[in-house]
Every structure is written in structure tokens, then in C-alpha cells.
Amino acid sequence: MKLAGIDIGTTSIGIVIVSSESGKTELVAIKANDAQLPSERSWERAQNPERIVEIVRELISGCGPAWSDVSAIGVSCQMHGMLYVDRSGRSVSPLFTWQDGRGDLMKPDSADTYADHLSKLTRHPMSSGFGLTTHYYNVLNDEVPADAAALCSIGDYVAMQLTGTAIPLIDASNAASFGLFSNKLADFDADAVARSGMNAAILPPVCAGTGIAGITPDGKQVACAIGDNQASFIGSVPDLIGTMLLNIGTGSQMSAYTEELEEIPGLETRPFPGGGFLLVGAPLSGGKSYALLEQFFKSVCLAFGGGTEAKDQHLYERMNALAEEVLNSPLNAGLGQLRVGTQFYGTRQDPFERGHIAGLSADNFTPGYLAAGVLTGIVDELMGFVHLLPENLRASLNKAAGAGNGIRRNAVMQRLLRERLKLPLHLAEAKEEACFGAAIYAAAAAGAFPDIHAAMAAMKRG
């Protein structure tokens, strides 16, 4: 049996074809996600869902004859963001992504932002970028399209377009990322939605267990789309139990699996496909904090006549080399290390918090120390969430898995994680972790294995 896994990321979209028997990845294809839409609103972040579907179809077309052997398709997608569809299942709005900032705007006649006001009304922690925070703003500002019949994630929308279905069916992993979700009920909190003044009729139904969203015209089963955090966990960890996942891409995440429902202040409890939960700490910083530093160095070069031909990857390689020299220097072992807070984009709890640099001296005011400080700051912010895990769960973790290009392509980041965690760091053999995880999930949803645990055990390659 051949499975396909599709991951719809913020900046790229990928597809893999995997054998259910060996777990071998037989095809990998990636395309840039160029669906970003310009906006006159500085806080708005939107993408064109029809362009995203077009890119997915281009990737499928590029699979050639291998596509005919695929029996089931799994879809993973960027979480939190949402779009509106009409009764025929067509998009009637952009995809408002997880980076959208309308929830951080001040609500008129209130001392609160829209997100804070919604949190108080519903007694659920809501952040800007959450699907229902975005919808709440749109409701209050008459920006919900007149023909909107339902809202859904971009993964749900791709599944709808592949199968021709008109009604979105959402997995709990994506539903929870919208906010106002009850882990106990495994459904949206209808009472909280009512307190907000929003109409719950626009919410999509939540699929139970390992659900199927529909069938393609050529007979392929399409699993309900799952969140990219959960898909990356499935595709990255050697075992569900005893492994922590650290994912550094555009943002960053710390995730640990638990079979029991636990609510920990400071951590998100996210439903896991097929049962159980992930305890997740999700800073807004990550790879984009290091990218911000790269842009700073590039602008310095340009400002002082360094030219415009520097290749991004070469600049990153030089930054990493300078950072490693610093980490190996005697000064770094004492008081000479720069301390960088990488909250350049705020935090989910406080969107107005900002980064900082401390410990500057005549000895460490250098590009190398700045690079090392930013990398260390990214890791330290993740470690703050690790320490929030329940002591019994933290004690049971005997290895860590690293995912995302921010880890995979950066040996200095890998070194810092190993030093801080004091655990072996496993890098998944599947380089497109979320795609691979989506394919594994599809195997379980299509009935090739009795559940997700069995599918993971059979299809893991390393």
C-alpha cells in the first residue's frame, strides 16, 4: 500500500509518497508557498486558498505514475489559521493565517485587545491568530462574508477540494487550534461560543477518531487534515512514549505526549490524532529570530558597501561558524556571554513583550557573540517550557527528537539542545517530518493498521 502525505506550511508546501510496508519514502517534492496576499493593513497576514490548492495539484501532477499507486492521502497544515467557505464548499475569503494580528488590536471602548476581551468573555485563553479570535474580530467589524456558511482550516479546504465535498470536517487537532475548544468534550465549547456572542452554526463538525474526509474521484481515501505540530510529532519521534519533540522552523515548539488529559498553566494541551494529548510550549520566536539577525547582518553589509550578492545560505553558514567559535571560547564559560531574549515578536501570553540584549561588554560586542546569543536565546525560551512539564512526565523522557530546518540545518543549535536537555537528540530520517507524519496518519485512517500507534511502529525507519 502506498500513502501520500501533504503538508501545507506557511512558506512551503510538500508531498511525500511512502510505502506502508517498509516506511520507505519513495518520492519527495516541495514547492514554495507563494500564496501570500498583499494588504494595506500592517497587521493582516493572509494567503490565497485557491493558489494553495493549485500548488497542491501541481505537486500531485509532478508525482507522475507514482500517484496512481497511492491508496490514501494524509494532509497536515499550518494551525490556528482559518478561512470561510460557502454552502458549495468554495472559499469566500482569504486564509487568515496564524500570524494575523487583528486580535492584538485594541477593541474600541475597551481597555482590552480583541483577544483579551474574548478571553475574558469565554474564560478560554485566546491569542491573536487563533481562528476564532480572527472570526470574533470579523463578526464585530462586519467583515464576515455574507455567503459564509462555515469556517475551516486550510488543510480541511484542501481535503474538500481533493474530494469534492461541500461541508468541512475538522480534526480535533485543528479544531483546538481555533480556540474555544473543550478537550474533555472533544468538541468546541458551545457555552463559551455563546458567551462570546458568535453563532456556533458556522463551526465545522469535529471528526471522531481517525476520520476520513472523503474520497477522490479516482478512489483514494483522504484523511481529515491534522495539525502540523501533531503531524511532525508522528513523523519525527521514534516512540510516542518517552520522547520529547523540539521543532524549530519559522516558530518553535516543545511537545511531549501524554495519554491522560492534563491542564498545565503556561502549556497548551492539544488533542492528539487517534487519542491522547500533546503538552505544547509554543514560542513565537524560532527560526525567524535567527533570520532577523541574518537580515540585520545583510543590511550592515549593504550599508557599508558590502554589495548585494551575498547568498543567504553562505551568510547563515558564516554566522554558525562564528557562533561555534564563541561557544568554544574561554570567555563564553564565564561572564562574557551575551544574553539575548528572542521575544522579538512578543509572546502568545503578551503580544507587546519585546526582545532584549543584556551583558554587553567590550569583549563580546561582536557578530559571533550576537549569533551565539540569539541561538542560545531561542533554546532558552524553549527550555522554559520544558521545565513546566509535570515532574513525572519530565522524568519519563529519555530522549529528544529534533525537527524543522532550524535544527536539521544548524549543528550549533543541535549542540545547544543536547547541552541543555542532557538527553540524546534524535534527528528523524524523514526530512519532511510533517508530510511523513501525515502519510502515517493516513495509513491508520484508511485501515491499513488498527491505530496510529501500530502505523508508527510499522512505518518508522530510524
Protein backbone atom coordinates (compact mmCIF):
# COMPACT_ATOMS: atom_id res chain seq x y z
CA MET A 1 0.00 0.00 0.00
CA LYS A 2 1.30 3.46 -0.92
CA LEU A 3 0.38 6.51 1.14
CA ALA A 4 0.75 10.19 0.30
CA GLY A 5 1.39 12.89 2.88
CA ILE A 6 0.82 16.55 2.06
CA ASP A 7 1.95 19.36 4.35
CA ILE A 8 0.68 22.91 3.84
CA GLY A 9 3.16 25.17 5.57
CA THR A 10 3.28 28.92 5.82
CA THR A 11 6.23 29.26 3.44
CA SER A 12 6.35 25.90 1.63
CA ILE A 13 4.10 23.02 0.62
CA GLY A 14 5.39 19.49 0.35
CA ILE A 15 4.32 15.99 -0.64
CA VAL A 16 5.78 12.55 0.02
CA ILE A 17 4.80 9.08 -1.15
CA VAL A 18 5.57 6.35 1.37
CA SER A 19 5.34 2.56 1.43
CA SER A 20 3.20 1.27 4.31
CA GLU A 21 5.21 -1.96 4.45
CA SER A 22 8.73 -0.56 4.72
CA GLY A 23 8.14 3.05 5.69
CA LYS A 24 10.43 3.97 2.82
CA THR A 25 9.86 7.40 1.30
CA GLU A 26 9.69 6.83 -2.44
CA LEU A 27 9.09 10.41 -3.59
CA VAL A 28 9.56 13.88 -2.12
CA ALA A 29 8.56 17.16 -3.77
CA ILE A 30 8.49 20.67 -2.32
CA LYS A 31 7.21 23.96 -3.70
CA ALA A 32 7.36 27.45 -2.24
CA ASN A 33 4.05 28.67 -0.86
CA ASP A 34 3.72 31.86 -2.87
CA ALA A 35 0.06 32.42 -1.94
CA GLN A 36 0.73 35.45 0.28
CA LEU A 37 -1.67 38.31 -0.34
CA PRO A 38 -0.62 41.96 -0.03
CA SER A 39 -2.57 44.11 2.39
CA GLU A 40 -2.77 47.77 3.28
CA ARG A 41 -3.31 46.66 6.88
CA SER A 42 0.10 46.25 8.52
CA TRP A 43 -1.26 43.66 10.95
CA GLU A 44 -3.05 41.46 8.41
CA ARG A 45 -1.49 38.20 7.23
CA ALA A 46 -3.47 36.42 4.55
CA GLN A 47 -2.94 33.86 1.79
CA ASN A 48 -4.92 32.86 -1.28
CA PRO A 49 -6.51 29.44 -0.61
CA GLU A 50 -7.15 28.81 -4.30
CA ARG A 51 -3.45 29.30 -5.05
CA ILE A 52 -2.61 26.84 -2.26
CA VAL A 53 -4.94 24.25 -3.82
CA GLU A 54 -3.32 24.95 -7.19
CA ILE A 55 0.16 24.31 -5.73
CA VAL A 56 -1.07 21.03 -4.20
CA ARG A 57 -2.42 19.94 -7.59
CA GLU A 58 0.87 20.90 -9.24
CA LEU A 59 2.74 18.73 -6.73
CA ILE A 60 0.37 15.82 -7.34
CA SER A 61 0.78 16.21 -11.10
CA GLY A 62 4.55 16.15 -10.62
CA CYS A 63 4.35 12.74 -8.95
CA GLY A 64 3.74 11.15 -12.36
CA PRO A 65 2.92 7.42 -12.50
CA ALA A 66 3.73 7.01 -8.78
CA TRP A 67 0.48 8.80 -7.92
CA SER A 68 -1.65 6.02 -9.41
CA ASP A 69 -0.34 3.60 -6.75
CA VAL A 70 -1.42 5.81 -3.84
CA SER A 71 -4.38 4.42 -1.88
CA ALA A 72 -4.80 7.06 0.82
CA ILE A 73 -3.79 10.66 1.40
CA GLY A 74 -2.97 12.41 4.65
CA VAL A 75 -2.95 16.19 4.99
CA SER A 76 -1.09 18.29 7.54
CA CYS A 77 -1.43 22.04 7.76
CA GLN A 78 -0.37 25.23 9.48
CA MET A 79 -2.51 25.52 12.60
CA HIS A 80 -4.71 28.31 14.04
CA GLY A 81 -5.45 30.00 10.70
CA MET A 82 -8.90 29.83 9.12
CA LEU A 83 -10.95 30.70 6.05
CA TYR A 84 -14.65 30.91 5.19
CA VAL A 85 -16.44 28.66 2.69
CA ASP A 86 -19.92 28.91 1.19
CA ARG A 87 -22.57 26.19 1.02
CA SER A 88 -20.99 24.71 -2.10
CA GLY A 89 -17.66 24.33 -0.30
CA ARG A 90 -15.82 27.10 -2.15
CA SER A 91 -13.69 29.69 -0.41
CA VAL A 92 -15.25 33.13 0.03
CA SER A 93 -12.34 34.70 1.90
CA PRO A 94 -8.57 34.58 2.12
CA LEU A 95 -6.87 32.21 4.53
CA PHE A 96 -6.23 34.34 7.62
CA THR A 97 -3.00 32.74 8.88
CA TRP A 98 -1.71 32.13 12.39
CA GLN A 99 0.41 35.26 12.02
CA ASP A 100 -2.59 37.56 11.56
CA GLY A 101 -2.52 40.37 14.10
CA ARG A 102 -6.11 41.64 14.24
CA GLY A 103 -6.63 40.03 17.64
CA ASP A 104 -3.93 42.29 19.12
CA LEU A 105 -5.75 45.45 18.05
CA MET A 106 -7.44 47.42 20.79
CA LYS A 107 -11.18 46.89 20.97
CA PRO A 108 -12.99 50.24 20.74
CA ASP A 109 -14.50 51.46 24.02
CA SER A 110 -12.38 48.92 25.90
CA ALA A 111 -9.03 48.75 27.62
CA ASP A 112 -8.51 45.27 26.14
CA THR A 113 -7.40 43.87 22.83
CA TYR A 114 -9.91 41.76 20.92
CA ALA A 115 -8.06 38.62 22.03
CA ASP A 116 -8.02 39.67 25.69
CA HIS A 117 -11.69 40.66 25.62
CA LEU A 118 -12.63 37.32 24.07
CA SER A 119 -10.56 35.51 26.72
CA LYS A 120 -12.48 37.27 29.50
CA LEU A 121 -15.86 36.57 27.92
CA THR A 122 -15.22 32.90 27.37
CA ARG A 123 -12.73 32.01 30.12
CA HIS A 124 -10.54 30.42 27.44
CA PRO A 125 -7.02 31.74 26.74
CA MET A 126 -7.29 33.26 23.28
CA SER A 127 -4.47 34.73 21.22
CA SER A 128 -4.26 36.72 18.03
CA GLY A 129 -4.08 34.37 15.05
CA PHE A 130 -6.39 31.78 16.62
CA GLY A 131 -9.18 31.07 14.13
CA LEU A 132 -11.97 32.10 16.48
CA THR A 133 -10.15 35.25 17.59
CA THR A 134 -9.94 36.23 13.93
CA HIS A 135 -13.61 35.37 13.44
CA TYR A 136 -14.58 37.33 16.58
CA TYR A 137 -12.92 40.45 15.19
CA ASN A 138 -14.61 39.91 11.83
CA VAL A 139 -18.03 39.47 13.45
CA LEU A 140 -17.71 42.69 15.46
CA ASN A 141 -16.43 44.65 12.46
CA ASP A 142 -18.89 43.27 9.87
CA GLU A 143 -16.11 41.57 7.92
CA VAL A 144 -17.63 38.07 7.73
CA PRO A 145 -18.53 37.42 4.07
CA ALA A 146 -22.30 37.44 3.51
CA ASP A 147 -22.23 33.99 1.89
CA ALA A 148 -20.01 32.34 4.52
CA ALA A 149 -21.60 29.06 5.62
CA ALA A 150 -18.70 27.56 7.59
CA LEU A 151 -15.13 28.20 8.61
CA CYS A 152 -12.34 25.66 8.35
CA SER A 153 -8.57 25.21 8.30
CA ILE A 154 -6.59 25.31 5.08
CA GLY A 155 -5.98 21.57 5.42
CA ASP A 156 -9.73 20.95 5.59
CA TYR A 157 -10.17 23.09 2.49
CA VAL A 158 -7.56 21.16 0.52
CA ALA A 159 -9.23 17.88 1.55
CA MET A 160 -12.58 19.29 0.38
CA GLN A 161 -11.16 20.28 -3.00
CA LEU A 162 -9.48 16.90 -3.50
CA THR A 163 -12.69 15.02 -2.70
CA GLY A 164 -15.37 17.40 -3.98
CA THR A 165 -17.16 17.59 -0.62
CA ALA A 166 -19.06 20.74 0.31
CA ILE A 167 -19.01 20.52 4.13
CA PRO A 168 -15.70 20.75 6.01
CA LEU A 169 -14.91 18.06 8.57
CA ILE A 170 -12.25 19.13 11.05
CA ASP A 171 -9.93 17.00 13.17
CA ALA A 172 -9.71 17.87 16.87
CA SER A 173 -6.06 18.88 16.44
CA ASN A 174 -7.04 21.71 14.11
CA ALA A 175 -10.31 22.49 15.87
CA ALA A 176 -8.48 23.03 19.16
CA SER A 177 -6.06 25.42 17.46
CA PHE A 178 -9.01 27.72 16.66
CA GLY A 179 -9.62 28.18 20.39
CA LEU A 180 -12.83 27.80 22.45
CA PHE A 181 -12.35 24.02 22.34
CA SER A 182 -13.05 21.56 25.17
CA ASN A 183 -10.59 18.70 25.47
CA LYS A 184 -12.99 16.94 27.82
CA LEU A 185 -15.81 17.04 25.27
CA ALA A 186 -13.50 16.62 22.25
CA ASP A 187 -15.55 19.37 20.63
CA PHE A 188 -15.99 23.13 20.60
CA ASP A 189 -17.19 24.59 23.90
CA ALA A 190 -20.70 25.62 22.87
CA ASP A 191 -21.30 27.58 26.09
CA ALA A 192 -18.11 29.60 25.58
CA VAL A 193 -19.03 30.33 21.98
CA ALA A 194 -22.46 31.50 23.14
CA ARG A 195 -20.91 33.81 25.77
CA SER A 196 -18.81 35.41 23.03
CA GLY A 197 -21.88 36.30 21.01
CA MET A 198 -20.70 34.32 17.99
CA ASN A 199 -23.03 31.88 16.22
CA ALA A 200 -21.84 28.29 16.69
CA ALA A 201 -23.62 27.25 13.48
CA ILE A 202 -20.62 28.42 11.46
CA LEU A 203 -18.29 25.93 13.20
CA PRO A 204 -17.43 22.74 11.27
CA PRO A 205 -18.25 19.32 12.73
CA VAL A 206 -15.35 17.61 14.52
CA CYS A 207 -14.45 14.16 13.22
CA ALA A 208 -14.10 11.35 15.74
CA GLY A 209 -11.01 9.14 15.96
CA THR A 210 -9.02 8.65 12.78
CA GLY A 211 -11.55 10.11 10.36
CA ILE A 212 -11.90 10.13 6.57
CA ALA A 213 -12.85 13.46 4.99
CA GLY A 214 -13.87 11.94 1.66
CA ILE A 215 -12.85 10.00 -1.43
CA THR A 216 -11.13 11.45 -4.52
CA PRO A 217 -12.68 10.88 -7.96
CA ASP A 218 -10.08 8.15 -8.59
CA GLY A 219 -10.91 6.32 -5.36
CA LYS A 220 -8.22 7.49 -2.93
CA GLN A 221 -9.28 7.95 0.69
CA VAL A 222 -8.40 11.38 2.13
CA ALA A 223 -7.96 11.52 5.88
CA CYS A 224 -9.19 14.50 7.88
CA ALA A 225 -6.42 17.08 7.94
CA ILE A 226 -4.37 17.17 11.15
CA GLY A 227 -2.30 19.94 12.71
CA ASP A 228 1.32 20.27 11.60
CA ASN A 229 2.51 20.06 15.23
CA GLN A 230 0.88 16.65 15.67
CA ALA A 231 1.97 15.50 12.21
CA SER A 232 5.57 16.49 12.91
CA PHE A 233 5.43 14.59 16.19
CA ILE A 234 4.16 11.46 14.43
CA GLY A 235 6.79 11.81 11.71
CA SER A 236 9.72 12.64 13.98
CA VAL A 237 9.70 10.71 17.23
CA PRO A 238 10.96 7.13 17.42
CA ASP A 239 8.35 6.39 20.10
CA LEU A 240 5.29 8.21 21.38
CA ILE A 241 6.13 7.44 24.98
CA GLY A 242 9.34 8.80 26.49
CA THR A 243 10.25 11.20 23.66
CA MET A 244 10.11 14.99 23.62
CA LEU A 245 9.87 16.76 20.26
CA LEU A 246 11.64 20.06 19.70
CA ASN A 247 10.67 21.69 16.42
CA ILE A 248 12.32 24.86 15.19
CA GLY A 249 11.08 26.23 11.90
CA THR A 250 9.63 29.69 11.41
CA GLY A 251 8.46 29.48 15.02
CA SER A 252 9.36 26.82 17.58
CA GLN A 253 7.61 24.22 19.69
CA MET A 254 8.26 21.83 22.54
CA SER A 255 5.88 18.85 22.60
CA ALA A 256 5.51 15.79 24.83
CA TYR A 257 2.86 13.08 24.55
CA THR A 258 0.62 12.08 27.43
CA GLU A 259 -2.20 9.56 27.44
CA GLU A 260 -4.08 11.42 30.17
CA LEU A 261 -5.69 14.85 29.96
CA GLU A 262 -3.55 17.33 31.90
CA GLU A 263 -4.01 21.09 32.07
CA ILE A 264 -0.72 22.82 32.93
CA PRO A 265 -0.51 26.62 33.34
CA GLY A 266 1.77 28.00 30.63
CA LEU A 267 1.40 24.97 28.34
CA GLU A 268 -1.21 24.14 25.72
CA THR A 269 -2.94 20.77 25.86
CA ARG A 270 -3.54 19.76 22.26
CA PRO A 271 -5.58 16.73 21.15
CA PHE A 272 -3.53 14.01 19.51
CA PRO A 273 -4.97 12.23 16.45
CA GLY A 274 -6.43 8.90 17.49
CA GLY A 275 -6.32 9.64 21.23
CA GLY A 276 -4.15 11.17 23.93
CA PHE A 277 -2.72 14.66 24.05
CA LEU A 278 0.38 16.74 23.40
CA LEU A 279 1.57 19.16 26.06
CA VAL A 280 2.99 22.01 23.99
CA GLY A 281 5.01 25.13 24.62
CA ALA A 282 5.00 27.32 21.54
CA PRO A 283 7.14 30.48 21.49
CA LEU A 284 6.53 32.89 18.64
CA SER A 285 10.28 33.06 18.10
CA GLY A 286 12.33 30.39 16.43
CA GLY A 287 13.97 30.30 13.06
CA LYS A 288 12.57 33.70 12.18
CA SER A 289 14.51 35.22 15.10
CA TYR A 290 17.75 33.93 13.58
CA ALA A 291 16.50 35.10 10.17
CA LEU A 292 16.01 38.56 11.67
CA LEU A 293 19.67 38.57 12.73
CA GLU A 294 20.70 37.41 9.26
CA GLN A 295 18.77 40.31 7.75
CA PHE A 296 20.49 42.68 10.17
CA PHE A 297 23.94 41.45 9.14
CA LYS A 298 22.96 41.69 5.48
CA SER A 299 21.73 45.27 5.91
CA VAL A 300 25.00 46.21 7.64
CA CYS A 301 26.96 44.79 4.71
CA LEU A 302 24.83 46.72 2.25
CA ALA A 303 25.02 49.94 4.26
CA PHE A 304 28.81 49.84 4.29
CA GLY A 305 29.38 48.82 0.69
CA GLY A 306 29.45 45.06 1.06
CA GLY A 307 27.38 44.53 -2.08
CA THR A 308 24.07 42.74 -2.66
CA GLU A 309 25.31 39.40 -3.96
CA ALA A 310 25.76 37.57 -0.63
CA LYS A 311 23.92 34.25 -0.68
CA ASP A 312 21.61 33.67 2.28
CA GLN A 313 22.89 30.16 2.99
CA HIS A 314 26.53 31.31 2.94
CA LEU A 315 25.69 34.04 5.41
CA TYR A 316 23.98 31.55 7.73
CA GLU A 317 26.97 29.24 7.48
CA ARG A 318 29.28 32.08 8.47
CA MET A 319 27.00 33.05 11.37
CA ASN A 320 27.01 29.44 12.59
CA ALA A 321 30.80 29.21 12.34
CA LEU A 322 31.24 32.43 14.32
CA ALA A 323 28.73 31.24 16.93
CA GLU A 324 30.60 27.94 17.33
CA GLU A 325 33.89 29.77 17.84
CA VAL A 326 32.24 31.76 20.63
CA LEU A 327 30.80 28.66 22.29
CA ASN A 328 34.28 27.13 22.29
CA SER A 329 35.97 30.24 23.70
CA PRO A 330 37.07 30.55 27.37
CA LEU A 331 35.23 33.88 27.69
CA ASN A 332 31.92 32.16 27.00
CA ALA A 333 32.36 29.94 30.06
CA GLY A 334 32.49 32.97 32.36
CA LEU A 335 30.52 36.17 32.41
CA GLY A 336 31.28 37.14 28.85
CA GLN A 337 28.31 35.51 27.12
CA LEU A 338 25.66 37.79 25.68
CA ARG A 339 22.17 37.07 26.94
CA VAL A 340 19.56 37.63 24.27
CA GLY A 341 15.83 37.46 24.87
CA THR A 342 14.37 36.46 21.50
CA GLN A 343 10.81 37.68 22.09
CA PHE A 344 11.17 40.00 19.08
CA TYR A 345 7.59 39.21 18.05
CA GLY A 346 6.06 39.14 21.52
CA THR A 347 4.71 36.00 23.17
CA ARG A 348 1.34 34.27 22.99
CA GLN A 349 0.65 35.50 26.52
CA ASP A 350 1.87 39.06 25.94
CA PRO A 351 1.98 40.27 22.33
CA PHE A 352 3.64 43.52 23.45
CA GLU A 353 6.64 41.89 25.11
CA ARG A 354 9.86 42.51 23.21
CA GLY A 355 13.33 41.04 22.97
CA HIS A 356 16.40 42.36 24.73
CA ILE A 357 20.16 42.07 24.81
CA ALA A 358 22.00 42.02 28.14
CA GLY A 359 25.58 41.56 29.23
CA LEU A 360 27.20 43.66 26.53
CA SER A 361 30.88 44.36 27.13
CA ALA A 362 33.89 45.49 25.17
CA ASP A 363 34.84 41.84 24.73
CA ASN A 364 31.59 40.41 23.44
CA PHE A 365 30.17 43.18 21.26
CA THR A 366 30.89 41.11 18.13
CA PRO A 367 28.90 39.35 15.38
CA GLY A 368 29.90 35.94 16.74
CA TYR A 369 28.64 36.63 20.24
CA LEU A 370 25.44 38.08 18.83
CA ALA A 371 24.86 34.96 16.71
CA ALA A 372 25.59 32.68 19.66
CA GLY A 373 23.36 34.79 21.89
CA VAL A 374 20.36 34.60 19.55
CA LEU A 375 20.72 30.83 19.12
CA THR A 376 21.05 30.40 22.88
CA GLY A 377 18.04 32.66 23.43
CA ILE A 378 15.87 30.54 21.11
CA VAL A 379 16.88 27.40 23.02
CA ASP A 380 16.43 29.02 26.43
CA GLU A 381 12.90 30.11 25.56
CA LEU A 382 12.06 26.51 24.62
CA MET A 383 13.68 25.20 27.80
CA GLY A 384 11.41 27.45 29.85
CA PHE A 385 8.51 25.34 28.59
CA VAL A 386 10.33 22.06 29.23
CA HIS A 387 10.54 22.97 32.92
CA LEU A 388 6.75 23.43 33.03
CA LEU A 389 6.12 19.76 32.22
CA PRO A 390 4.81 17.69 35.16
CA GLU A 391 7.72 16.22 37.07
CA ASN A 392 6.62 12.62 36.49
CA LEU A 393 6.34 13.18 32.75
CA ARG A 394 9.66 15.04 32.57
CA ALA A 395 11.35 12.19 34.45
CA SER A 396 9.98 9.65 31.98
CA LEU A 397 11.55 11.37 28.97
CA ASN A 398 14.69 9.52 27.94
CA LYS A 399 15.32 11.03 24.51
CA ALA A 400 14.50 14.04 22.38
CA ALA A 401 13.66 14.32 18.72
CA GLY A 402 14.63 17.34 16.66
CA ALA A 403 12.57 18.51 13.70
CA GLY A 404 12.44 21.53 11.43
CA ASN A 405 15.16 23.14 9.35
CA GLY A 406 16.16 25.38 12.25
CA ILE A 407 17.54 22.25 13.92
CA ARG A 408 18.31 19.99 10.99
CA ARG A 409 20.47 22.55 9.15
CA ASN A 410 22.17 24.02 12.22
CA ALA A 411 24.73 21.92 14.06
CA VAL A 412 25.21 24.69 16.63
CA MET A 413 21.51 24.55 17.52
CA GLN A 414 21.76 20.76 17.87
CA ARG A 415 24.73 21.16 20.20
CA LEU A 416 22.93 23.72 22.39
CA LEU A 417 19.85 21.49 22.66
CA ARG A 418 21.90 18.47 23.70
CA GLU A 419 23.74 20.51 26.32
CA ARG A 420 20.56 21.99 27.79
CA LEU A 421 18.45 18.83 27.71
CA LYS A 422 21.16 16.36 28.72
CA LEU A 423 19.36 13.84 26.52
CA PRO A 424 20.21 12.09 23.23
CA LEU A 425 18.86 14.14 20.30
CA HIS A 426 17.32 12.03 17.54
CA LEU A 427 17.01 13.62 14.09
CA ALA A 428 14.24 11.93 12.13
CA GLU A 429 15.35 10.20 8.97
CA ALA A 430 12.34 11.63 7.14
CA LYS A 431 13.36 15.19 6.32
CA GLU A 432 9.79 16.34 5.64
CA GLU A 433 8.55 15.31 9.06
CA ALA A 434 5.02 16.70 8.80
CA CYS A 435 4.48 15.13 5.36
CA PHE A 436 5.75 11.80 6.64
CA GLY A 437 3.56 12.06 9.75
CA ALA A 438 0.52 12.83 7.60
CA ALA A 439 1.24 9.73 5.49
CA ILE A 440 1.49 7.57 8.64
CA TYR A 441 -1.80 9.01 9.87
CA ALA A 442 -3.43 8.24 6.51
CA ALA A 443 -2.36 4.61 6.86
CA ALA A 444 -4.22 4.35 10.16
CA ALA A 445 -7.25 6.32 8.95
CA ALA A 446 -7.56 4.14 5.84
CA GLY A 447 -7.46 0.95 7.92
CA ALA A 448 -4.04 -0.35 6.87
CA PHE A 449 -3.22 -0.54 10.61
CA PRO A 450 -5.52 -0.80 13.63
CA ASP A 451 -4.44 2.54 15.06
CA ILE A 452 -1.83 5.30 14.89
CA HIS A 453 0.48 3.50 17.34
CA ALA A 454 0.62 0.43 15.10
CA ALA A 455 1.14 2.56 11.99
CA MET A 456 4.05 4.39 13.62
CA ALA A 457 5.67 1.15 14.79
CA ALA A 458 5.45 -0.42 11.33
CA MET A 459 6.49 2.58 9.25
CA LYS A 460 9.30 4.10 11.30
CA ARG A 461 12.65 3.95 9.55
CA GLY A 462 15.09 5.24 12.14
